[in-house]
Amino acid sequence: MPNELSEDMIKEDIRTSLRGIQFYIRAMGGTKDSNKNGHKTVFFTVKDPADCHIIKNQWCIALQDSVYRMCPAYFSNQDLKERKKYQAEFSGFDAFHSMIKILEVLSMHNPKNAYRQSNTKVIVEYEQEAELFNACEHAIYFSSYKVVGTPRDYPCWIYSKKLLVKLPVILPTHHELNKKTTPDHDI
């Protein structure tokens, strides 16, 4: 999250996003520099194991009208890579649409995280392949917008940008054999 956010603002936003789940931010060393310039990583702890299980399946958190990736501290690079397995590129959103609005529009397909790659392209992550395909199967209409999704880096010919071109099959011609006709006899 941005460096300029105060600890009190962060606590209040986390409290709102977690809907009453008790947590605490470590007093010393609760943040560290992020690999993204001007941002920091915030560590918070949830005491109740049942609550930990609930939020470990929450891939993002809304803070200050923005969406940030969220994951357990024990996650390895492989775990993070696994979460990026089913991604879709969506176009049709305006640059002024917030990520919270984008997740709301796509909520019927259970998106887990989203981020803007450019003003015209939004990347959305899904937990399951079926959710990815359902989200990309049809255009999504809201207000006066038409949003279209395409699976990202997915080895599936259905979503390939190139049209499938198949050479026409020329069927062999059949020569009719001279049929011997037999005269109809009246009985």
N, C-alpha and C. Protein backbone atom coordinates (compact mmCIF):
# COMPACT_ATOMS: atom_id res chain seq x y z
N MET A 1 0.83 -1.16 0.00
CA MET A 1 0.00 0.00 0.00
C MET A 1 0.88 1.23 0.00
N PRO A 2 0.33 2.40 -0.37
CA PRO A 2 1.16 3.60 -0.46
C PRO A 2 1.81 3.97 0.87
N ASN A 3 3.03 4.47 0.80
CA ASN A 3 3.78 4.85 2.01
C ASN A 3 3.09 5.94 2.81
N GLU A 4 2.33 6.81 2.15
CA GLU A 4 1.75 7.95 2.86
C GLU A 4 0.56 7.60 3.75
N LEU A 5 0.03 6.38 3.67
CA LEU A 5 -1.08 6.00 4.54
C LEU A 5 -0.59 5.81 5.98
N SER A 6 -1.31 6.43 6.91
CA SER A 6 -0.91 6.31 8.31
C SER A 6 -1.34 4.95 8.87
N GLU A 7 -0.73 4.57 9.98
CA GLU A 7 -1.07 3.28 10.60
C GLU A 7 -2.53 3.25 11.05
N ASP A 8 -3.05 4.39 11.53
CA ASP A 8 -4.45 4.44 11.96
C ASP A 8 -5.40 4.24 10.78
N MET A 9 -5.08 4.86 9.64
CA MET A 9 -5.91 4.67 8.45
C MET A 9 -5.88 3.21 8.00
N ILE A 10 -4.70 2.63 8.03
CA ILE A 10 -4.55 1.23 7.62
C ILE A 10 -5.36 0.33 8.54
N LYS A 11 -5.25 0.53 9.85
CA LYS A 11 -6.00 -0.29 10.82
C LYS A 11 -7.50 -0.18 10.59
N GLU A 12 -7.99 1.04 10.38
CA GLU A 12 -9.43 1.23 10.19
C GLU A 12 -9.92 0.55 8.91
N ASP A 13 -9.16 0.66 7.84
CA ASP A 13 -9.55 0.03 6.58
C ASP A 13 -9.48 -1.50 6.66
N ILE A 14 -8.47 -2.03 7.33
CA ILE A 14 -8.39 -3.48 7.50
C ILE A 14 -9.56 -3.96 8.35
N ARG A 15 -9.87 -3.25 9.41
CA ARG A 15 -11.00 -3.61 10.28
C ARG A 15 -12.30 -3.66 9.47
N THR A 16 -12.51 -2.66 8.61
CA THR A 16 -13.72 -2.61 7.77
C THR A 16 -13.73 -3.78 6.79
N SER A 17 -12.60 -4.05 6.14
CA SER A 17 -12.53 -5.13 5.14
C SER A 17 -12.70 -6.51 5.76
N LEU A 18 -12.20 -6.70 6.97
CA LEU A 18 -12.28 -8.02 7.61
C LEU A 18 -13.60 -8.22 8.35
N ARG A 19 -14.45 -7.22 8.35
CA ARG A 19 -15.80 -7.32 8.92
C ARG A 19 -15.81 -7.87 10.35
N GLY A 20 -15.04 -7.26 11.20
CA GLY A 20 -15.09 -7.62 12.62
C GLY A 20 -14.13 -8.69 13.08
N ILE A 21 -13.37 -9.29 12.20
CA ILE A 21 -12.37 -10.28 12.60
C ILE A 21 -11.25 -9.55 13.35
N GLN A 22 -10.91 -10.06 14.52
CA GLN A 22 -9.88 -9.41 15.33
C GLN A 22 -8.50 -9.65 14.74
N PHE A 23 -7.69 -8.59 14.72
CA PHE A 23 -6.34 -8.66 14.19
C PHE A 23 -5.47 -7.65 14.91
N TYR A 24 -4.18 -7.74 14.69
CA TYR A 24 -3.27 -6.70 15.17
C TYR A 24 -2.11 -6.57 14.20
N ILE A 25 -1.58 -5.35 14.13
CA ILE A 25 -0.39 -5.07 13.33
C ILE A 25 0.77 -5.03 14.30
N ARG A 26 1.83 -5.75 13.97
CA ARG A 26 2.99 -5.79 14.87
C ARG A 26 3.49 -4.38 15.15
N ALA A 27 3.77 -4.12 16.42
CA ALA A 27 4.22 -2.78 16.84
C ALA A 27 5.57 -2.44 16.21
N MET A 28 6.49 -3.37 16.22
CA MET A 28 7.80 -3.12 15.63
C MET A 28 7.94 -4.00 14.40
N GLY A 29 8.22 -3.38 13.29
CA GLY A 29 8.46 -4.17 12.08
C GLY A 29 7.19 -4.68 11.43
N GLY A 30 6.07 -4.00 11.62
CA GLY A 30 4.81 -4.42 11.00
C GLY A 30 4.75 -4.08 9.53
N THR A 31 5.72 -3.31 9.05
CA THR A 31 5.77 -2.97 7.64
C THR A 31 7.19 -3.20 7.13
N LYS A 32 7.29 -3.34 5.84
CA LYS A 32 8.60 -3.40 5.19
C LYS A 32 8.47 -2.80 3.81
N ASP A 33 9.59 -2.42 3.24
CA ASP A 33 9.56 -1.83 1.91
C ASP A 33 9.04 -2.86 0.92
N SER A 34 8.29 -2.37 -0.04
CA SER A 34 7.74 -3.22 -1.09
C SER A 34 8.68 -3.19 -2.29
N ASN A 35 8.52 -4.13 -3.18
CA ASN A 35 9.30 -4.09 -4.41
C ASN A 35 8.71 -3.07 -5.38
N LYS A 36 7.58 -2.48 -5.03
CA LYS A 36 6.94 -1.45 -5.84
C LYS A 36 7.30 -0.09 -5.24
N ASN A 37 7.89 0.76 -6.00
CA ASN A 37 8.38 2.06 -5.53
C ASN A 37 7.24 2.89 -4.93
N GLY A 38 7.48 3.47 -3.74
CA GLY A 38 6.48 4.31 -3.09
C GLY A 38 5.44 3.53 -2.31
N HIS A 39 5.62 2.23 -2.17
CA HIS A 39 4.67 1.38 -1.47
C HIS A 39 5.38 0.60 -0.36
N LYS A 40 4.59 0.07 0.53
CA LYS A 40 5.11 -0.76 1.62
C LYS A 40 4.23 -1.99 1.78
N THR A 41 4.79 -3.01 2.37
CA THR A 41 4.05 -4.23 2.70
C THR A 41 3.68 -4.16 4.17
N VAL A 42 2.43 -4.46 4.48
CA VAL A 42 1.96 -4.42 5.87
C VAL A 42 1.63 -5.84 6.30
N PHE A 43 2.12 -6.21 7.48
CA PHE A 43 1.84 -7.53 8.05
C PHE A 43 0.85 -7.36 9.19
N PHE A 44 -0.23 -8.14 9.15
CA PHE A 44 -1.14 -8.16 10.29
C PHE A 44 -1.41 -9.61 10.67
N THR A 45 -1.75 -9.81 11.92
CA THR A 45 -1.95 -11.15 12.45
C THR A 45 -3.39 -11.30 12.92
N VAL A 46 -3.97 -12.44 12.62
CA VAL A 46 -5.31 -12.78 13.08
C VAL A 46 -5.14 -13.86 14.13
N LYS A 47 -5.74 -13.66 15.30
CA LYS A 47 -5.52 -14.57 16.43
C LYS A 47 -6.28 -15.88 16.32
N ASP A 48 -7.54 -15.82 15.91
CA ASP A 48 -8.39 -17.01 15.91
C ASP A 48 -8.09 -17.89 14.69
N PRO A 49 -7.76 -19.18 14.88
CA PRO A 49 -7.46 -20.06 13.75
C PRO A 49 -8.62 -20.20 12.76
N ALA A 50 -9.85 -20.18 13.26
CA ALA A 50 -11.01 -20.27 12.36
C ALA A 50 -11.07 -19.04 11.46
N ASP A 51 -10.79 -17.87 12.01
CA ASP A 51 -10.76 -16.65 11.21
C ASP A 51 -9.60 -16.67 10.22
N CYS A 52 -8.48 -17.23 10.63
CA CYS A 52 -7.33 -17.38 9.71
C CYS A 52 -7.73 -18.19 8.48
N HIS A 53 -8.47 -19.25 8.72
CA HIS A 53 -8.91 -20.10 7.61
C HIS A 53 -9.84 -19.34 6.67
N ILE A 54 -10.68 -18.49 7.23
CA ILE A 54 -11.60 -17.71 6.40
C ILE A 54 -10.83 -16.73 5.52
N ILE A 55 -9.91 -15.98 6.10
CA ILE A 55 -9.26 -14.93 5.31
C ILE A 55 -8.12 -15.44 4.44
N LYS A 56 -7.67 -16.66 4.64
CA LYS A 56 -6.61 -17.15 3.74
C LYS A 56 -7.14 -17.36 2.33
N ASN A 57 -8.46 -17.49 2.20
CA ASN A 57 -9.08 -17.61 0.88
C ASN A 57 -9.49 -16.27 0.30
N GLN A 58 -9.18 -15.20 1.00
CA GLN A 58 -9.43 -13.84 0.51
C GLN A 58 -8.14 -13.35 -0.13
N TRP A 59 -8.15 -13.14 -1.44
CA TRP A 59 -6.92 -12.84 -2.16
C TRP A 59 -6.61 -11.36 -2.24
N CYS A 60 -7.58 -10.50 -1.93
CA CYS A 60 -7.32 -9.07 -2.00
C CYS A 60 -8.08 -8.37 -0.88
N ILE A 61 -7.69 -7.13 -0.64
CA ILE A 61 -8.31 -6.35 0.42
C ILE A 61 -8.49 -4.93 -0.11
N ALA A 62 -9.65 -4.34 0.19
CA ALA A 62 -9.95 -2.98 -0.26
C ALA A 62 -9.54 -2.00 0.84
N LEU A 63 -8.64 -1.10 0.49
CA LEU A 63 -8.16 -0.06 1.42
C LEU A 63 -8.13 1.26 0.68
N GLN A 64 -8.76 2.29 1.26
CA GLN A 64 -8.75 3.63 0.67
C GLN A 64 -9.18 3.61 -0.81
N ASP A 65 -10.28 2.95 -1.09
CA ASP A 65 -10.86 2.88 -2.45
C ASP A 65 -9.93 2.24 -3.48
N SER A 66 -8.98 1.46 -3.03
CA SER A 66 -8.10 0.70 -3.93
C SER A 66 -8.10 -0.75 -3.48
N VAL A 67 -7.65 -1.63 -4.36
CA VAL A 67 -7.58 -3.06 -4.06
C VAL A 67 -6.11 -3.45 -4.01
N TYR A 68 -5.74 -4.20 -2.95
CA TYR A 68 -4.37 -4.66 -2.78
C TYR A 68 -4.35 -6.16 -2.62
N ARG A 69 -3.30 -6.78 -3.12
CA ARG A 69 -3.13 -8.23 -2.99
C ARG A 69 -2.93 -8.57 -1.51
N MET A 70 -3.54 -9.67 -1.09
CA MET A 70 -3.40 -10.12 0.30
C MET A 70 -3.11 -11.62 0.28
N CYS A 71 -2.15 -12.04 1.09
CA CYS A 71 -1.83 -13.46 1.18
C CYS A 71 -1.20 -13.74 2.53
N PRO A 72 -1.26 -14.99 2.97
CA PRO A 72 -0.59 -15.35 4.22
C PRO A 72 0.93 -15.11 4.12
N ALA A 73 1.54 -14.74 5.23
CA ALA A 73 2.97 -14.43 5.25
C ALA A 73 3.84 -15.64 4.90
N TYR A 74 3.33 -16.84 5.11
CA TYR A 74 4.13 -18.03 4.83
C TYR A 74 4.12 -18.43 3.36
N PHE A 75 3.40 -17.70 2.51
CA PHE A 75 3.33 -18.06 1.09
C PHE A 75 4.70 -17.95 0.43
N SER A 76 5.00 -18.92 -0.39
CA SER A 76 6.25 -18.90 -1.17
C SER A 76 5.95 -18.30 -2.55
N ASN A 77 7.00 -18.11 -3.32
CA ASN A 77 6.81 -17.63 -4.69
C ASN A 77 5.95 -18.59 -5.50
N GLN A 78 6.10 -19.89 -5.24
CA GLN A 78 5.31 -20.90 -5.94
C GLN A 78 3.82 -20.75 -5.59
N ASP A 79 3.52 -20.46 -4.32
CA ASP A 79 2.12 -20.26 -3.93
C ASP A 79 1.52 -19.05 -4.64
N LEU A 80 2.30 -17.97 -4.73
CA LEU A 80 1.82 -16.78 -5.43
C LEU A 80 1.65 -17.05 -6.93
N LYS A 81 2.57 -17.82 -7.49
CA LYS A 81 2.47 -18.18 -8.91
C LYS A 81 1.22 -19.02 -9.16
N GLU A 82 0.89 -19.89 -8.22
CA GLU A 82 -0.31 -20.73 -8.34
C GLU A 82 -1.58 -19.87 -8.35
N ARG A 83 -1.57 -18.79 -7.59
CA ARG A 83 -2.73 -17.89 -7.57
C ARG A 83 -2.90 -17.14 -8.89
N LYS A 84 -1.84 -17.05 -9.66
CA LYS A 84 -1.89 -16.35 -10.95
C LYS A 84 -2.19 -17.30 -12.11
N LYS A 85 -2.51 -18.52 -11.80
CA LYS A 85 -2.70 -19.55 -12.83
C LYS A 85 -3.87 -19.26 -13.75
N TYR A 86 -4.98 -18.77 -13.20
CA TYR A 86 -6.18 -18.53 -14.00
C TYR A 86 -6.47 -17.03 -14.04
N GLN A 87 -5.92 -16.37 -15.04
CA GLN A 87 -6.08 -14.93 -15.20
C GLN A 87 -6.81 -14.62 -16.49
N ALA A 88 -7.57 -13.52 -16.45
CA ALA A 88 -8.26 -13.05 -17.65
C ALA A 88 -7.96 -11.58 -17.86
N GLU A 89 -7.91 -11.19 -19.13
CA GLU A 89 -7.76 -9.78 -19.49
C GLU A 89 -9.14 -9.27 -19.87
N PHE A 90 -9.56 -8.18 -19.23
CA PHE A 90 -10.85 -7.58 -19.54
C PHE A 90 -10.65 -6.21 -20.14
N SER A 91 -11.39 -5.94 -21.20
CA SER A 91 -11.40 -4.61 -21.80
C SER A 91 -12.84 -4.13 -21.82
N GLY A 92 -13.01 -2.82 -21.83
CA GLY A 92 -14.34 -2.24 -21.84
C GLY A 92 -14.62 -1.38 -20.62
N PHE A 93 -13.78 -1.47 -19.60
CA PHE A 93 -13.92 -0.60 -18.44
C PHE A 93 -13.27 0.75 -18.77
N ASP A 94 -13.81 1.81 -18.18
CA ASP A 94 -13.19 3.13 -18.31
C ASP A 94 -12.06 3.27 -17.31
N ALA A 95 -11.15 4.20 -17.58
CA ALA A 95 -10.03 4.43 -16.68
C ALA A 95 -10.50 4.95 -15.32
N PHE A 96 -11.67 5.59 -15.26
CA PHE A 96 -12.15 6.12 -13.99
C PHE A 96 -12.87 5.08 -13.13
N HIS A 97 -13.13 3.89 -13.66
CA HIS A 97 -13.74 2.84 -12.84
C HIS A 97 -12.73 2.35 -11.81
N SER A 98 -13.13 2.34 -10.55
CA SER A 98 -12.24 1.85 -9.50
C SER A 98 -12.16 0.33 -9.55
N MET A 99 -11.12 -0.21 -8.95
CA MET A 99 -10.99 -1.67 -8.92
C MET A 99 -12.12 -2.29 -8.09
N ILE A 100 -12.60 -1.57 -7.10
CA ILE A 100 -13.72 -2.07 -6.31
C ILE A 100 -14.96 -2.21 -7.20
N LYS A 101 -15.20 -1.22 -8.07
CA LYS A 101 -16.34 -1.28 -9.01
C LYS A 101 -16.15 -2.44 -9.99
N ILE A 102 -14.93 -2.63 -10.47
CA ILE A 102 -14.66 -3.72 -11.42
C ILE A 102 -14.93 -5.07 -10.77
N LEU A 103 -14.47 -5.27 -9.54
CA LEU A 103 -14.74 -6.53 -8.84
C LEU A 103 -16.24 -6.71 -8.59
N GLU A 104 -16.94 -5.62 -8.35
CA GLU A 104 -18.39 -5.68 -8.15
C GLU A 104 -19.10 -6.11 -9.43
N VAL A 105 -18.70 -5.56 -10.56
CA VAL A 105 -19.31 -5.91 -11.85
C VAL A 105 -19.05 -7.38 -12.17
N LEU A 106 -17.88 -7.88 -11.84
CA LEU A 106 -17.51 -9.26 -12.16
C LEU A 106 -17.86 -10.25 -11.04
N SER A 107 -18.51 -9.78 -9.99
CA SER A 107 -18.74 -10.61 -8.80
C SER A 107 -19.52 -11.89 -9.07
N MET A 108 -20.33 -11.92 -10.11
CA MET A 108 -21.10 -13.13 -10.42
C MET A 108 -20.19 -14.31 -10.80
N HIS A 109 -18.94 -14.01 -11.15
CA HIS A 109 -17.99 -15.05 -11.56
C HIS A 109 -16.91 -15.30 -10.52
N ASN A 110 -17.08 -14.76 -9.32
CA ASN A 110 -16.19 -15.01 -8.18
C ASN A 110 -14.72 -14.62 -8.45
N PRO A 111 -14.48 -13.37 -8.82
CA PRO A 111 -13.07 -12.96 -8.99
C PRO A 111 -12.38 -12.89 -7.64
N LYS A 112 -11.11 -13.23 -7.60
CA LYS A 112 -10.36 -13.25 -6.34
C LYS A 112 -9.47 -12.02 -6.19
N ASN A 113 -8.99 -11.45 -7.29
CA ASN A 113 -8.12 -10.28 -7.24
C ASN A 113 -8.18 -9.62 -8.61
N ALA A 114 -7.88 -8.32 -8.65
CA ALA A 114 -7.86 -7.61 -9.92
C ALA A 114 -6.86 -6.46 -9.82
N TYR A 115 -6.27 -6.14 -10.94
CA TYR A 115 -5.39 -4.98 -11.02
C TYR A 115 -5.41 -4.45 -12.43
N ARG A 116 -5.13 -3.17 -12.54
CA ARG A 116 -5.17 -2.50 -13.84
C ARG A 116 -3.78 -2.58 -14.47
N GLN A 117 -3.73 -3.15 -15.68
CA GLN A 117 -2.45 -3.21 -16.39
C GLN A 117 -2.24 -1.93 -17.22
N SER A 118 -3.33 -1.39 -17.74
CA SER A 118 -3.28 -0.13 -18.47
C SER A 118 -4.65 0.52 -18.33
N ASN A 119 -4.83 1.69 -18.94
CA ASN A 119 -6.13 2.36 -18.85
C ASN A 119 -7.23 1.56 -19.53
N THR A 120 -6.87 0.70 -20.46
CA THR A 120 -7.88 -0.05 -21.21
C THR A 120 -7.92 -1.53 -20.86
N LYS A 121 -7.00 -2.00 -20.03
CA LYS A 121 -6.94 -3.43 -19.74
C LYS A 121 -6.85 -3.69 -18.24
N VAL A 122 -7.73 -4.60 -17.77
CA VAL A 122 -7.75 -5.01 -16.37
C VAL A 122 -7.47 -6.50 -16.31
N ILE A 123 -6.59 -6.92 -15.42
CA ILE A 123 -6.28 -8.33 -15.22
C ILE A 123 -7.03 -8.80 -13.98
N VAL A 124 -7.76 -9.92 -14.13
CA VAL A 124 -8.55 -10.47 -13.03
C VAL A 124 -8.10 -11.90 -12.80
N GLU A 125 -7.92 -12.25 -11.52
CA GLU A 125 -7.47 -13.59 -11.15
C GLU A 125 -8.64 -14.39 -10.59
N TYR A 126 -8.68 -15.66 -10.97
CA TYR A 126 -9.72 -16.59 -10.50
C TYR A 126 -9.07 -17.78 -9.83
N GLU A 127 -9.81 -18.39 -8.93
CA GLU A 127 -9.30 -19.55 -8.22
C GLU A 127 -9.42 -20.83 -9.05
N GLN A 128 -10.48 -20.90 -9.86
CA GLN A 128 -10.75 -22.13 -10.61
C GLN A 128 -10.86 -21.84 -12.10
N GLU A 129 -10.53 -22.84 -12.88
CA GLU A 129 -10.59 -22.74 -14.32
C GLU A 129 -12.02 -22.48 -14.80
N ALA A 130 -12.99 -23.13 -14.19
CA ALA A 130 -14.39 -22.96 -14.59
C ALA A 130 -14.84 -21.52 -14.41
N GLU A 131 -14.42 -20.88 -13.32
CA GLU A 131 -14.78 -19.48 -13.09
C GLU A 131 -14.17 -18.58 -14.18
N LEU A 132 -12.95 -18.88 -14.56
CA LEU A 132 -12.28 -18.13 -15.62
C LEU A 132 -13.06 -18.25 -16.93
N PHE A 133 -13.40 -19.46 -17.32
CA PHE A 133 -14.12 -19.68 -18.57
C PHE A 133 -15.52 -19.08 -18.53
N ASN A 134 -16.20 -19.19 -17.40
CA ASN A 134 -17.54 -18.60 -17.29
C ASN A 134 -17.48 -17.08 -17.44
N ALA A 135 -16.45 -16.46 -16.88
CA ALA A 135 -16.32 -15.01 -16.96
C ALA A 135 -16.01 -14.56 -18.39
N CYS A 136 -15.32 -15.39 -19.15
CA CYS A 136 -14.90 -15.01 -20.50
C CYS A 136 -15.85 -15.49 -21.59
N GLU A 137 -16.83 -16.29 -21.21
CA GLU A 137 -17.70 -16.90 -22.22
C GLU A 137 -18.57 -15.88 -22.95
N HIS A 138 -19.10 -14.90 -22.24
CA HIS A 138 -19.98 -13.90 -22.83
C HIS A 138 -19.55 -12.51 -22.40
N ALA A 139 -19.96 -11.52 -23.18
CA ALA A 139 -19.73 -10.13 -22.79
C ALA A 139 -20.59 -9.82 -21.56
N ILE A 140 -20.12 -8.91 -20.75
CA ILE A 140 -20.85 -8.48 -19.55
C ILE A 140 -21.27 -7.03 -19.79
N TYR A 141 -22.56 -6.78 -19.62
CA TYR A 141 -23.09 -5.44 -19.83
C TYR A 141 -23.46 -4.82 -18.50
N PHE A 142 -23.03 -3.60 -18.27
CA PHE A 142 -23.48 -2.84 -17.11
C PHE A 142 -23.52 -1.38 -17.52
N SER A 143 -24.56 -0.69 -17.09
CA SER A 143 -24.80 0.69 -17.49
C SER A 143 -24.71 0.74 -19.02
N SER A 144 -23.87 1.57 -19.58
CA SER A 144 -23.74 1.63 -21.04
C SER A 144 -22.43 0.98 -21.50
N TYR A 145 -21.85 0.12 -20.68
CA TYR A 145 -20.56 -0.48 -20.98
C TYR A 145 -20.70 -1.95 -21.37
N LYS A 146 -19.85 -2.35 -22.27
CA LYS A 146 -19.75 -3.75 -22.67
C LYS A 146 -18.33 -4.20 -22.34
N VAL A 147 -18.22 -5.17 -21.44
CA VAL A 147 -16.92 -5.66 -20.98
C VAL A 147 -16.70 -7.06 -21.55
N VAL A 148 -15.53 -7.27 -22.12
CA VAL A 148 -15.21 -8.55 -22.75
C VAL A 148 -13.93 -9.10 -22.12
N GLY A 149 -13.95 -10.38 -21.77
CA GLY A 149 -12.79 -11.01 -21.16
C GLY A 149 -12.20 -12.09 -22.04
N THR A 150 -10.90 -12.26 -21.91
CA THR A 150 -10.17 -13.31 -22.63
C THR A 150 -9.20 -13.96 -21.66
N PRO A 151 -9.15 -15.29 -21.60
CA PRO A 151 -8.16 -15.94 -20.73
C PRO A 151 -6.75 -15.49 -21.12
N ARG A 152 -5.94 -15.27 -20.11
CA ARG A 152 -4.59 -14.77 -20.32
C ARG A 152 -3.59 -15.91 -20.30
N ASP A 153 -2.75 -15.97 -21.33
CA ASP A 153 -1.71 -16.99 -21.43
C ASP A 153 -2.27 -18.39 -21.22
N TYR A 154 -3.44 -18.62 -21.77
CA TYR A 154 -4.07 -19.92 -21.57
C TYR A 154 -3.97 -20.71 -22.86
N PRO A 155 -3.47 -21.93 -22.79
CA PRO A 155 -3.26 -22.72 -24.01
C PRO A 155 -4.55 -23.36 -24.52
N CYS A 156 -5.49 -22.53 -24.92
CA CYS A 156 -6.78 -23.07 -25.36
C CYS A 156 -7.10 -22.46 -26.72
N TRP A 157 -7.35 -23.27 -27.70
CA TRP A 157 -7.58 -22.78 -29.05
C TRP A 157 -8.85 -21.96 -29.16
N ILE A 158 -9.81 -22.17 -28.29
CA ILE A 158 -11.09 -21.45 -28.36
C ILE A 158 -10.85 -19.95 -28.20
N TYR A 159 -9.91 -19.58 -27.34
CA TYR A 159 -9.67 -18.17 -27.06
C TYR A 159 -8.48 -17.60 -27.80
N SER A 160 -8.01 -18.31 -28.79
CA SER A 160 -6.89 -17.82 -29.58
C SER A 160 -7.33 -16.60 -30.38
N LYS A 161 -6.46 -15.63 -30.52
CA LYS A 161 -6.79 -14.42 -31.27
C LYS A 161 -6.85 -14.69 -32.78
N LYS A 162 -6.09 -15.69 -33.24
CA LYS A 162 -6.09 -15.99 -34.65
C LYS A 162 -7.33 -16.82 -35.00
N LEU A 163 -7.92 -16.49 -36.13
CA LEU A 163 -9.06 -17.28 -36.58
C LEU A 163 -8.56 -18.63 -37.09
N LEU A 164 -9.35 -19.63 -36.85
CA LEU A 164 -9.00 -20.94 -37.35
C LEU A 164 -9.35 -20.99 -38.84
N VAL A 165 -8.38 -21.36 -39.62
CA VAL A 165 -8.61 -21.45 -41.06
C VAL A 165 -8.34 -22.89 -41.45
N LYS A 166 -9.36 -23.49 -42.02
CA LYS A 166 -9.23 -24.87 -42.45
C LYS A 166 -9.44 -24.91 -43.95
N LEU A 167 -8.55 -25.60 -44.62
CA LEU A 167 -8.70 -25.73 -46.06
C LEU A 167 -9.96 -26.52 -46.36
N PRO A 168 -10.65 -26.13 -47.41
CA PRO A 168 -11.88 -26.85 -47.74
C PRO A 168 -11.56 -28.29 -48.15
N VAL A 169 -12.44 -29.16 -47.79
CA VAL A 169 -12.28 -30.56 -48.15
C VAL A 169 -13.00 -30.79 -49.47
N ILE A 170 -12.29 -31.33 -50.42
CA ILE A 170 -12.90 -31.61 -51.71
C ILE A 170 -13.30 -33.08 -51.70
N LEU A 171 -14.58 -33.26 -51.81
CA LEU A 171 -15.10 -34.62 -51.79
C LEU A 171 -14.94 -35.24 -53.17
N PRO A 172 -14.60 -36.51 -53.20
CA PRO A 172 -14.47 -37.16 -54.51
C PRO A 172 -15.84 -37.27 -55.18
N THR A 173 -15.83 -37.13 -56.48
CA THR A 173 -17.10 -37.24 -57.20
C THR A 173 -17.37 -38.71 -57.45
N HIS A 174 -18.60 -39.06 -57.39
CA HIS A 174 -18.99 -40.44 -57.63
C HIS A 174 -19.60 -40.54 -59.02
N HIS A 175 -19.09 -41.45 -59.76
CA HIS A 175 -19.64 -41.67 -61.08
C HIS A 175 -20.75 -42.70 -60.93
N GLU A 176 -21.86 -42.31 -61.44
CA GLU A 176 -22.98 -43.25 -61.32
C GLU A 176 -22.79 -44.35 -62.35
N LEU A 177 -22.97 -45.51 -61.87
CA LEU A 177 -22.89 -46.65 -62.77
C LEU A 177 -24.18 -46.72 -63.57
N ASN A 178 -24.05 -47.18 -64.74
CA ASN A 178 -25.28 -47.33 -65.53
C ASN A 178 -26.14 -48.35 -64.85
N LYS A 179 -27.26 -47.87 -64.46
CA LYS A 179 -28.17 -48.79 -63.79
C LYS A 179 -29.04 -49.45 -64.83
N LYS A 180 -29.15 -50.70 -64.68
CA LYS A 180 -30.05 -51.42 -65.59
C LYS A 180 -31.43 -51.29 -65.01
N THR A 181 -32.24 -50.75 -65.79
CA THR A 181 -33.61 -50.60 -65.32
C THR A 181 -34.43 -51.76 -65.84
N THR A 182 -35.26 -52.21 -65.04
CA THR A 182 -36.14 -53.30 -65.43
C THR A 182 -37.52 -52.71 -65.67
N PRO A 183 -38.13 -53.11 -66.73
CA PRO A 183 -39.46 -52.54 -67.04
C PRO A 183 -40.47 -53.00 -65.99
N ASP A 184 -41.35 -52.11 -65.72
CA ASP A 184 -42.42 -52.46 -64.79
C ASP A 184 -43.41 -53.34 -65.53
N HIS A 185 -43.77 -54.42 -64.90
CA HIS A 185 -44.74 -55.33 -65.51
C HIS A 185 -46.03 -55.21 -64.74
N ASP A 186 -47.05 -55.14 -65.52
CA ASP A 186 -48.36 -55.15 -64.88
C ASP A 186 -48.79 -56.57 -64.66
N ILE A 187 -49.29 -56.78 -63.56
CA ILE A 187 -49.75 -58.13 -63.29
C ILE A 187 -51.22 -58.20 -63.43
